[in-house]
Amino acid sequence: VGDYLNYGVVQTYKESIELQFDGRGVPILRHGSTYYYNPVTVAQYALTMYGRYYRGVAPLEAFVTAADALAELQDARGAFPYPFAYPYYLTGETFPPGWVSAMAQGLALSVFERAYVATGEARFRAAGNRALEFLLVPKSEGGPRGTLADLDPLLSGYVSFQEYPSTPDTYTLNGHMYT
């Protein structure tokens, strides 16, 4: 539960036309002409605030506020659905609003573990448990867990966490690794 990938030192967030902060100081990103909470961005921001708290340069409250904002994005299934359509450059597919990403699930788990350890508040443990449960839902049932079967049917027993819900699976390495 240390500073996640040294985010407390290396990550910065500045307002721009693409990134704004809400009234709580949580980042929102522009997609098209509208600003949305992006689950991955909120999770990475929370991990940055945690890293700064961990290093003694920011108050715990900044991290907890970001962790709470992330928890508000979690739906009843435990998922962090994206509220906008996303045209996926690699396949040409457009994912409709509500699409999910294993990367968001994995980063949220990192946030909620740190929030639980730092505060002892059971709500963060519960949010983490819901995030993990959804992470393990197969892609065929609307979750982000795929297999390597699209590479070769003989690899169908090997799990691949999908950053993008494309068909066929596209095996985005950084998304799998962050997860």
Protein backbone atom coordinates (compact mmCIF):
# COMPACT_ATOMS: atom_id res chain seq x y z
CA VAL A 1 0.00 0.00 0.00
CA GLY A 2 2.84 2.37 -0.83
CA ASP A 3 2.92 5.14 -3.40
CA TYR A 4 1.49 3.41 -6.50
CA LEU A 5 4.17 3.57 -9.24
CA ASN A 6 5.50 6.73 -7.56
CA TYR A 7 2.37 8.62 -8.68
CA GLY A 8 2.73 10.97 -5.72
CA VAL A 9 5.91 12.30 -7.30
CA VAL A 10 5.50 11.86 -11.04
CA GLN A 11 1.83 12.58 -11.80
CA THR A 12 0.54 16.11 -12.29
CA TYR A 13 -2.91 17.44 -13.07
CA LYS A 14 -3.46 20.90 -14.55
CA GLU A 15 -6.67 22.45 -15.74
CA SER A 16 -6.92 22.77 -19.49
CA ILE A 17 -9.57 22.61 -22.18
CA GLU A 18 -9.43 18.81 -21.81
CA LEU A 19 -9.30 18.54 -18.01
CA GLN A 20 -11.29 20.47 -15.43
CA PHE A 21 -11.88 19.96 -11.72
CA ASP A 22 -15.29 19.67 -10.10
CA GLY A 23 -16.21 21.55 -6.91
CA ARG A 24 -14.50 18.88 -4.79
CA GLY A 25 -11.26 19.08 -6.76
CA VAL A 26 -11.82 15.79 -8.65
CA PRO A 27 -10.82 15.78 -12.33
CA ILE A 28 -13.33 15.53 -15.15
CA LEU A 29 -12.31 15.03 -18.77
CA ARG A 30 -13.80 16.40 -21.94
CA HIS A 31 -15.16 13.90 -24.39
CA GLY A 32 -16.71 15.63 -27.35
CA SER A 33 -18.20 18.83 -25.97
CA THR A 34 -19.13 17.45 -22.54
CA TYR A 35 -17.08 16.82 -19.41
CA TYR A 36 -17.36 13.40 -17.77
CA TYR A 37 -15.84 11.52 -14.90
CA ASN A 38 -13.50 8.99 -16.47
CA PRO A 39 -13.10 6.04 -14.07
CA VAL A 40 -9.43 5.48 -14.95
CA THR A 41 -8.58 9.16 -14.59
CA VAL A 42 -10.38 9.45 -11.25
CA ALA A 43 -8.62 6.31 -10.00
CA GLN A 44 -5.21 7.54 -11.15
CA TYR A 45 -5.87 10.92 -9.55
CA ALA A 46 -6.86 9.20 -6.29
CA LEU A 47 -3.66 7.16 -6.39
CA THR A 48 -1.70 10.37 -6.96
CA MET A 49 -3.34 11.99 -3.94
CA TYR A 50 -2.63 8.88 -1.90
CA GLY A 51 1.02 8.96 -2.96
CA ARG A 52 1.29 12.57 -1.86
CA TYR A 53 -0.38 11.73 1.46
CA TYR A 54 1.93 8.72 1.87
CA ARG A 55 4.93 10.97 1.30
CA GLY A 56 3.61 13.56 3.78
CA VAL A 57 2.96 16.37 1.28
CA ALA A 58 -0.87 16.26 1.08
CA PRO A 59 -3.67 15.66 3.58
CA LEU A 60 -5.48 12.34 3.77
CA GLU A 61 -8.74 14.19 3.00
CA ALA A 62 -7.68 14.91 -0.59
CA PHE A 63 -7.24 11.18 -1.20
CA VAL A 64 -10.47 10.22 0.59
CA THR A 65 -12.42 12.77 -1.47
CA ALA A 66 -11.06 11.24 -4.68
CA ALA A 67 -11.73 7.68 -3.42
CA ASP A 68 -15.30 8.70 -2.56
CA ALA A 69 -15.73 10.18 -6.05
CA LEU A 70 -14.55 6.90 -7.54
CA ALA A 71 -16.94 4.93 -5.34
CA GLU A 72 -19.79 7.11 -6.62
CA LEU A 73 -18.98 5.95 -10.15
CA GLN A 74 -19.40 2.28 -9.20
CA ASP A 75 -22.70 0.76 -10.26
CA ALA A 76 -24.73 -1.96 -8.53
CA ARG A 77 -22.77 -4.70 -10.36
CA GLY A 78 -19.47 -3.35 -9.00
CA ALA A 79 -18.48 -2.00 -12.43
CA PHE A 80 -17.25 1.45 -13.40
CA PRO A 81 -19.16 2.05 -16.63
CA TYR A 82 -18.10 4.83 -18.98
CA PRO A 83 -20.94 7.31 -19.50
CA PHE A 84 -20.03 8.11 -23.12
CA ALA A 85 -19.67 6.28 -26.41
CA TYR A 86 -16.10 5.55 -27.40
CA PRO A 87 -14.92 4.98 -30.96
CA TYR A 88 -12.14 2.42 -30.61
CA TYR A 89 -9.42 3.31 -33.09
CA LEU A 90 -8.01 -0.21 -33.37
CA THR A 91 -11.13 -2.06 -34.56
CA GLY A 92 -13.41 0.75 -35.70
CA GLU A 93 -16.06 -0.35 -33.20
CA THR A 94 -17.91 2.26 -31.17
CA PHE A 95 -18.56 1.14 -27.63
CA PRO A 96 -21.93 2.47 -26.44
CA PRO A 97 -22.27 4.35 -23.14
CA GLY A 98 -22.00 1.87 -20.31
CA TRP A 99 -18.94 0.03 -21.65
CA VAL A 100 -16.53 -1.28 -19.05
CA SER A 101 -12.77 -1.66 -18.77
CA ALA A 102 -10.71 -4.08 -16.71
CA MET A 103 -8.17 -1.29 -16.29
CA ALA A 104 -10.73 0.79 -14.36
CA GLN A 105 -11.55 -2.22 -12.19
CA GLY A 106 -7.91 -2.91 -11.35
CA LEU A 107 -7.04 0.69 -10.57
CA ALA A 108 -10.17 0.99 -8.42
CA LEU A 109 -9.04 -2.05 -6.43
CA SER A 110 -5.73 -0.30 -5.75
CA VAL A 111 -7.56 2.84 -4.61
CA PHE A 112 -10.02 1.03 -2.36
CA GLU A 113 -7.32 -1.12 -0.72
CA ARG A 114 -5.33 2.00 0.15
CA ALA A 115 -8.47 3.82 1.32
CA TYR A 116 -9.42 0.91 3.57
CA VAL A 117 -5.93 0.64 5.05
CA ALA A 118 -5.62 4.42 5.55
CA THR A 119 -9.08 4.95 7.08
CA GLY A 120 -10.28 1.58 8.34
CA GLU A 121 -13.68 2.38 6.81
CA ALA A 122 -15.53 -0.78 5.80
CA ARG A 123 -17.24 1.00 2.88
CA PHE A 124 -13.96 1.01 0.99
CA ARG A 125 -13.44 -2.69 1.59
CA ALA A 126 -16.98 -3.35 0.36
CA ALA A 127 -16.41 -1.24 -2.76
CA GLY A 128 -13.21 -3.18 -3.43
CA ASN A 129 -14.99 -6.50 -3.03
CA ARG A 130 -17.68 -5.41 -5.52
CA ALA A 131 -14.98 -4.22 -7.96
CA LEU A 132 -13.19 -7.58 -7.72
CA GLU A 133 -16.40 -9.56 -8.18
CA PHE A 134 -17.19 -7.65 -11.36
CA LEU A 135 -13.61 -7.94 -12.63
CA LEU A 136 -14.05 -11.72 -12.62
CA VAL A 137 -17.25 -11.64 -14.71
CA PRO A 138 -16.58 -13.17 -18.14
CA LYS A 139 -16.76 -10.91 -21.16
CA SER A 140 -19.54 -13.12 -22.54
CA GLU A 141 -21.66 -12.00 -19.55
CA GLY A 142 -20.81 -8.30 -19.84
CA GLY A 143 -17.69 -8.28 -17.69
CA PRO A 144 -14.07 -7.51 -18.54
CA ARG A 145 -12.54 -10.98 -18.12
CA GLY A 146 -11.56 -12.53 -21.41
CA THR A 147 -9.29 -15.34 -22.45
CA LEU A 148 -6.48 -15.76 -24.93
CA ALA A 149 -8.76 -17.86 -27.17
CA ASP A 150 -8.86 -15.24 -29.94
CA LEU A 151 -5.11 -15.77 -30.34
CA ASP A 152 -5.49 -19.54 -30.46
CA PRO A 153 -8.35 -21.78 -29.26
CA LEU A 154 -5.83 -23.85 -27.31
CA LEU A 155 -5.27 -20.77 -25.08
CA SER A 156 -8.92 -20.53 -23.98
CA GLY A 157 -8.00 -21.53 -20.42
CA TYR A 158 -5.78 -18.47 -19.94
CA VAL A 159 -7.30 -15.27 -18.54
CA SER A 160 -6.83 -11.89 -20.18
CA PHE A 161 -8.30 -8.79 -18.57
CA GLN A 162 -9.65 -6.58 -21.34
CA GLU A 163 -9.07 -2.82 -21.27
CA TYR A 164 -11.48 -2.49 -24.20
CA PRO A 165 -14.55 -4.68 -24.82
CA SER A 166 -13.68 -5.27 -28.47
CA THR A 167 -14.53 -8.25 -30.61
CA PRO A 168 -12.27 -10.05 -31.13
CA ASP A 169 -10.27 -9.34 -27.97
CA THR A 170 -7.39 -6.97 -28.67
CA TYR A 171 -5.14 -7.74 -25.72
CA THR A 172 -4.08 -4.24 -24.72
CA LEU A 173 -1.01 -5.00 -22.64
CA ASN A 174 -0.96 -1.92 -20.41
CA GLY A 175 -4.64 -2.38 -19.52
CA HIS A 176 -4.02 -5.99 -18.54
CA MET A 177 -0.93 -5.03 -16.53
CA TYR A 178 -2.65 -2.19 -14.65
CA THR A 179 -5.47 -4.57 -13.88
